[in-house]
C-alpha atoms as a PDB file:
ATOM      1  CA  MET A   1       7.115 -28.406  -2.922  1.00  0.00           C
ATOM      2  CA  SER A   2       8.121 -25.653  -5.321  1.00  0.00           C
ATOM      3  CA  TYR A   3       7.233 -22.029  -4.410  1.00  0.00           C
ATOM      4  CA  PRO A   4       4.280 -21.202  -6.801  1.00  0.00           C
ATOM      5  CA  TYR A   5       4.831 -17.670  -7.543  1.00  0.00           C
ATOM      6  CA  GLU A   6       7.237 -15.481  -9.226  1.00  0.00           C
ATOM      7  CA  TRP A   7       9.258 -13.025  -7.091  1.00  0.00           C
ATOM      8  CA  GLU A   8       9.469 -10.040  -9.444  1.00  0.00           C
ATOM      9  CA  PRO A   9       5.610  -9.042  -9.010  1.00  0.00           C
ATOM     10  CA  ARG A  10       6.139  -9.270  -5.295  1.00  0.00           C
ATOM     11  CA  LEU A  11       9.209  -7.193  -5.234  1.00  0.00           C
ATOM     12  CA  TYR A  12       7.471  -4.625  -7.480  1.00  0.00           C
ATOM     13  CA  ARG A  13       4.472  -4.317  -5.285  1.00  0.00           C
ATOM     14  CA  ARG A  14       6.803  -4.024  -2.088  1.00  0.00           C
ATOM     15  CA  MET A  15       8.701  -1.119  -3.898  1.00  0.00           C
ATOM     16  CA  ILE A  16       5.303   0.625  -5.006  1.00  0.00           C
ATOM     17  CA  PHE A  17       4.281   0.273  -1.233  1.00  0.00           C
ATOM     18  CA  ASP A  18       7.356   1.578   0.255  1.00  0.00           C
ATOM     19  CA  ASN A  19       7.606   4.616  -2.232  1.00  0.00           C
ATOM     20  CA  LEU A  20       4.184   5.461  -1.370  1.00  0.00           C
ATOM     21  CA  GLN A  21       4.889   5.101   2.190  1.00  0.00           C
ATOM     22  CA  TYR A  22       7.657   7.318   2.041  1.00  0.00           C
ATOM     23  CA  TYR A  23       5.767  10.061   0.006  1.00  0.00           C
ATOM     24  CA  LEU A  24       2.972  10.163   2.467  1.00  0.00           C
ATOM     25  CA  SER A  25       5.614  10.626   5.342  1.00  0.00           C
ATOM     26  CA  TYR A  26       7.828  13.295   3.635  1.00  0.00           C
ATOM     27  CA  GLY A  27       6.191  14.545   0.573  1.00  0.00           C
ATOM     28  CA  ASN A  28       8.999  14.119  -1.785  1.00  0.00           C
ATOM     29  CA  GLN A  29       7.558  14.035  -5.295  1.00  0.00           C
ATOM     30  CA  ALA A  30      10.661  11.661  -6.413  1.00  0.00           C
ATOM     31  CA  ASP A  31       8.837   8.822  -4.267  1.00  0.00           C
ATOM     32  CA  LEU A  32       5.825   9.340  -6.355  1.00  0.00           C
ATOM     33  CA  ARG A  33       7.958   8.990  -9.662  1.00  0.00           C
ATOM     34  CA  ARG A  34       9.500   5.975  -8.151  1.00  0.00           C
ATOM     35  CA  ALA A  35       6.305   4.452  -7.126  1.00  0.00           C
ATOM     36  CA  ARG A  36       4.988   4.983 -10.723  1.00  0.00           C
ATOM     37  CA  TYR A  37       8.317   3.346 -11.812  1.00  0.00           C
ATOM     38  CA  TRP A  38       7.585  -0.050 -10.228  1.00  0.00           C
ATOM     39  CA  CYS A  39       3.845   0.164 -10.899  1.00  0.00           C
ATOM     40  CA  ASP A  40       4.758   0.194 -14.576  1.00  0.00           C
ATOM     41  CA  ARG A  41       7.026  -2.634 -14.097  1.00  0.00           C
ATOM     42  CA  TRP A  42       4.485  -4.529 -12.088  1.00  0.00           C
ATOM     43  CA  SER A  43       1.720  -3.898 -14.724  1.00  0.00           C
ATOM     44  CA  GLU A  44       3.953  -5.319 -17.472  1.00  0.00           C
ATOM     45  CA  ASN A  45       2.944  -8.664 -16.007  1.00  0.00           C
ATOM     46  CA  ASP A  46      -0.456  -9.532 -17.587  1.00  0.00           C
ATOM     47  CA  PHE A  47      -1.467 -12.200 -15.079  1.00  0.00           C
ATOM     48  CA  GLU A  48      -0.700 -10.021 -12.064  1.00  0.00           C
ATOM     49  CA  VAL A  49      -2.844  -7.179 -13.374  1.00  0.00           C
ATOM     50  CA  LEU A  50      -5.685  -9.423 -14.241  1.00  0.00           C
ATOM     51  CA  SER A  51      -5.676 -11.620 -11.318  1.00  0.00           C
ATOM     52  CA  THR A  52      -5.628  -9.095  -8.500  1.00  0.00           C
ATOM     53  CA  THR A  53      -7.754  -6.391  -7.167  1.00  0.00           C
ATOM     54  CA  ASP A  54      -5.202  -4.431  -5.558  1.00  0.00           C
ATOM     55  CA  GLY A  55      -6.294  -1.130  -6.835  1.00  0.00           C
ATOM     56  CA  TYR A  56     -10.025  -1.623  -5.960  1.00  0.00           C
ATOM     57  CA  VAL A  57      -8.924  -3.077  -2.546  1.00  0.00           C
ATOM     58  CA  GLY A  58      -6.311  -0.486  -1.420  1.00  0.00           C
ATOM     59  CA  THR A  59      -8.535   2.602  -2.730  1.00  0.00           C
ATOM     60  CA  ALA A  60     -11.536   1.091  -0.339  1.00  0.00           C
ATOM     61  CA  TYR A  61      -9.293   0.554   2.490  1.00  0.00           C
ATOM     62  CA  TYR A  62      -7.860   4.016   2.143  1.00  0.00           C
ATOM     63  CA  VAL A  63     -11.238   5.416   2.493  1.00  0.00           C
ATOM     64  CA  GLU A  64     -11.976   3.286   5.343  1.00  0.00           C
ATOM     65  CA  VAL A  65      -8.614   4.487   7.334  1.00  0.00           C
ATOM     66  CA  LEU A  66      -9.669   8.023   6.682  1.00  0.00           C
ATOM     67  CA  ALA A  67     -13.213   7.431   7.677  1.00  0.00           C
ATOM     68  CA  GLU A  68     -11.829   5.942  11.021  1.00  0.00           C
ATOM     69  CA  ALA A  69      -9.456   8.705  11.627  1.00  0.00           C
ATOM     70  CA  VAL A  70     -12.478  11.099  11.150  1.00  0.00           C
ATOM     71  CA  VAL A  71     -14.445   9.045  13.683  1.00  0.00           C
ATOM     72  CA  ALA A  72     -11.651   8.981  16.191  1.00  0.00           C
ATOM     73  CA  LEU A  73     -10.714  12.740  15.839  1.00  0.00           C
ATOM     74  CA  GLY A  74     -13.864  13.990  15.205  1.00  0.00           C
ATOM     75  CA  CYS A  75     -15.239  15.959  11.988  1.00  0.00           C
ATOM     76  CA  TRP A  76     -13.358  19.079  12.876  1.00  0.00           C
ATOM     77  CA  ALA A  77      -9.831  17.307  12.962  1.00  0.00           C
ATOM     78  CA  SER A  78      -7.173  19.413  11.331  1.00  0.00           C
ATOM     79  CA  GLU A  79      -5.655  18.063   8.349  1.00  0.00           C
ATOM     80  CA  ASN A  80      -2.312  17.395  10.433  1.00  0.00           C
ATOM     81  CA  SER A  81      -4.008  15.395  12.850  1.00  0.00           C
ATOM     82  CA  LEU A  82      -5.716  13.372  10.185  1.00  0.00           C
ATOM     83  CA  LYS A  83      -2.452  12.797   8.388  1.00  0.00           C
ATOM     84  CA  ALA A  84      -0.555  11.768  11.786  1.00  0.00           C
ATOM     85  CA  TYR A  85      -3.518   9.175  12.374  1.00  0.00           C
ATOM     86  CA  VAL A  86      -3.053   7.734   8.870  1.00  0.00           C
ATOM     87  CA  LEU A  87       0.684   7.653   9.144  1.00  0.00           C
ATOM     88  CA  GLU A  88       0.317   5.660  12.483  1.00  0.00           C
ATOM     89  CA  LYS A  89      -1.936   3.275  10.552  1.00  0.00           C
ATOM     90  CA  VAL A  90       0.396   2.792   7.862  1.00  0.00           C
ATOM     91  CA  TYR A  91       3.401   2.245   9.791  1.00  0.00           C
ATOM     92  CA  THR A  92       1.617  -0.424  12.178  1.00  0.00           C
ATOM     93  CA  ASP A  93      -0.922  -1.959  10.090  1.00  0.00           C
ATOM     94  CA  PHE A  94      -0.265  -1.741   6.374  1.00  0.00           C
ATOM     95  CA  GLY A  95       2.488  -3.468   4.655  1.00  0.00           C
ATOM     96  CA  HIS A  96       2.677  -6.840   6.189  1.00  0.00           C
ATOM     97  CA  ARG A  97       1.133  -8.638   3.123  1.00  0.00           C
ATOM     98  CA  VAL A  98       3.841  -7.257   1.014  1.00  0.00           C
ATOM     99  CA  SER A  99       6.578  -7.239   3.341  1.00  0.00           C
ATOM    100  CA  GLY A 100       8.315 -10.765   2.201  1.00  0.00           C
ATOM    101  CA  GLU A 101       8.744 -11.752   5.795  1.00  0.00           C
ATOM    102  CA  SER A 102       5.743 -14.029   5.393  1.00  0.00           C
ATOM    103  CA  PHE A 103       3.501 -15.235   2.749  1.00  0.00           C
ATOM    104  CA  PRO A 104       0.091 -14.975   3.663  1.00  0.00           C
ATOM    105  CA  SER A 105      -2.282 -17.986   2.785  1.00  0.00           C
ATOM    106  CA  ALA A 106      -5.438 -17.629   0.803  1.00  0.00           C
ATOM    107  CA  LEU A 107      -7.388 -17.519   3.809  1.00  0.00           C
ATOM    108  CA  ASP A 108      -5.953 -14.382   5.517  1.00  0.00           C
END
């Protein structure tokens, strides 16, 4: 059975994710520029852009993780504490779907 997907969009999405992760960790503006570069490359593929909901789902998940951090740490948690919590989630829970180590099924 042949692999039904093109490799380029998956690579571009992985590069977007990695560079956003680096920016979150280190605050280097160059990482945001690199993420934008890969996002532009990814968005050149009309099928990818029209057939995915990554932007909406990703934004909702971001808000969910921040809400989880506030619940876990309390409303008066410092920005640094919230960031540390979110970073922990990013490094332990995020990115598996774009890692290239596995290809999730439609049921995941």
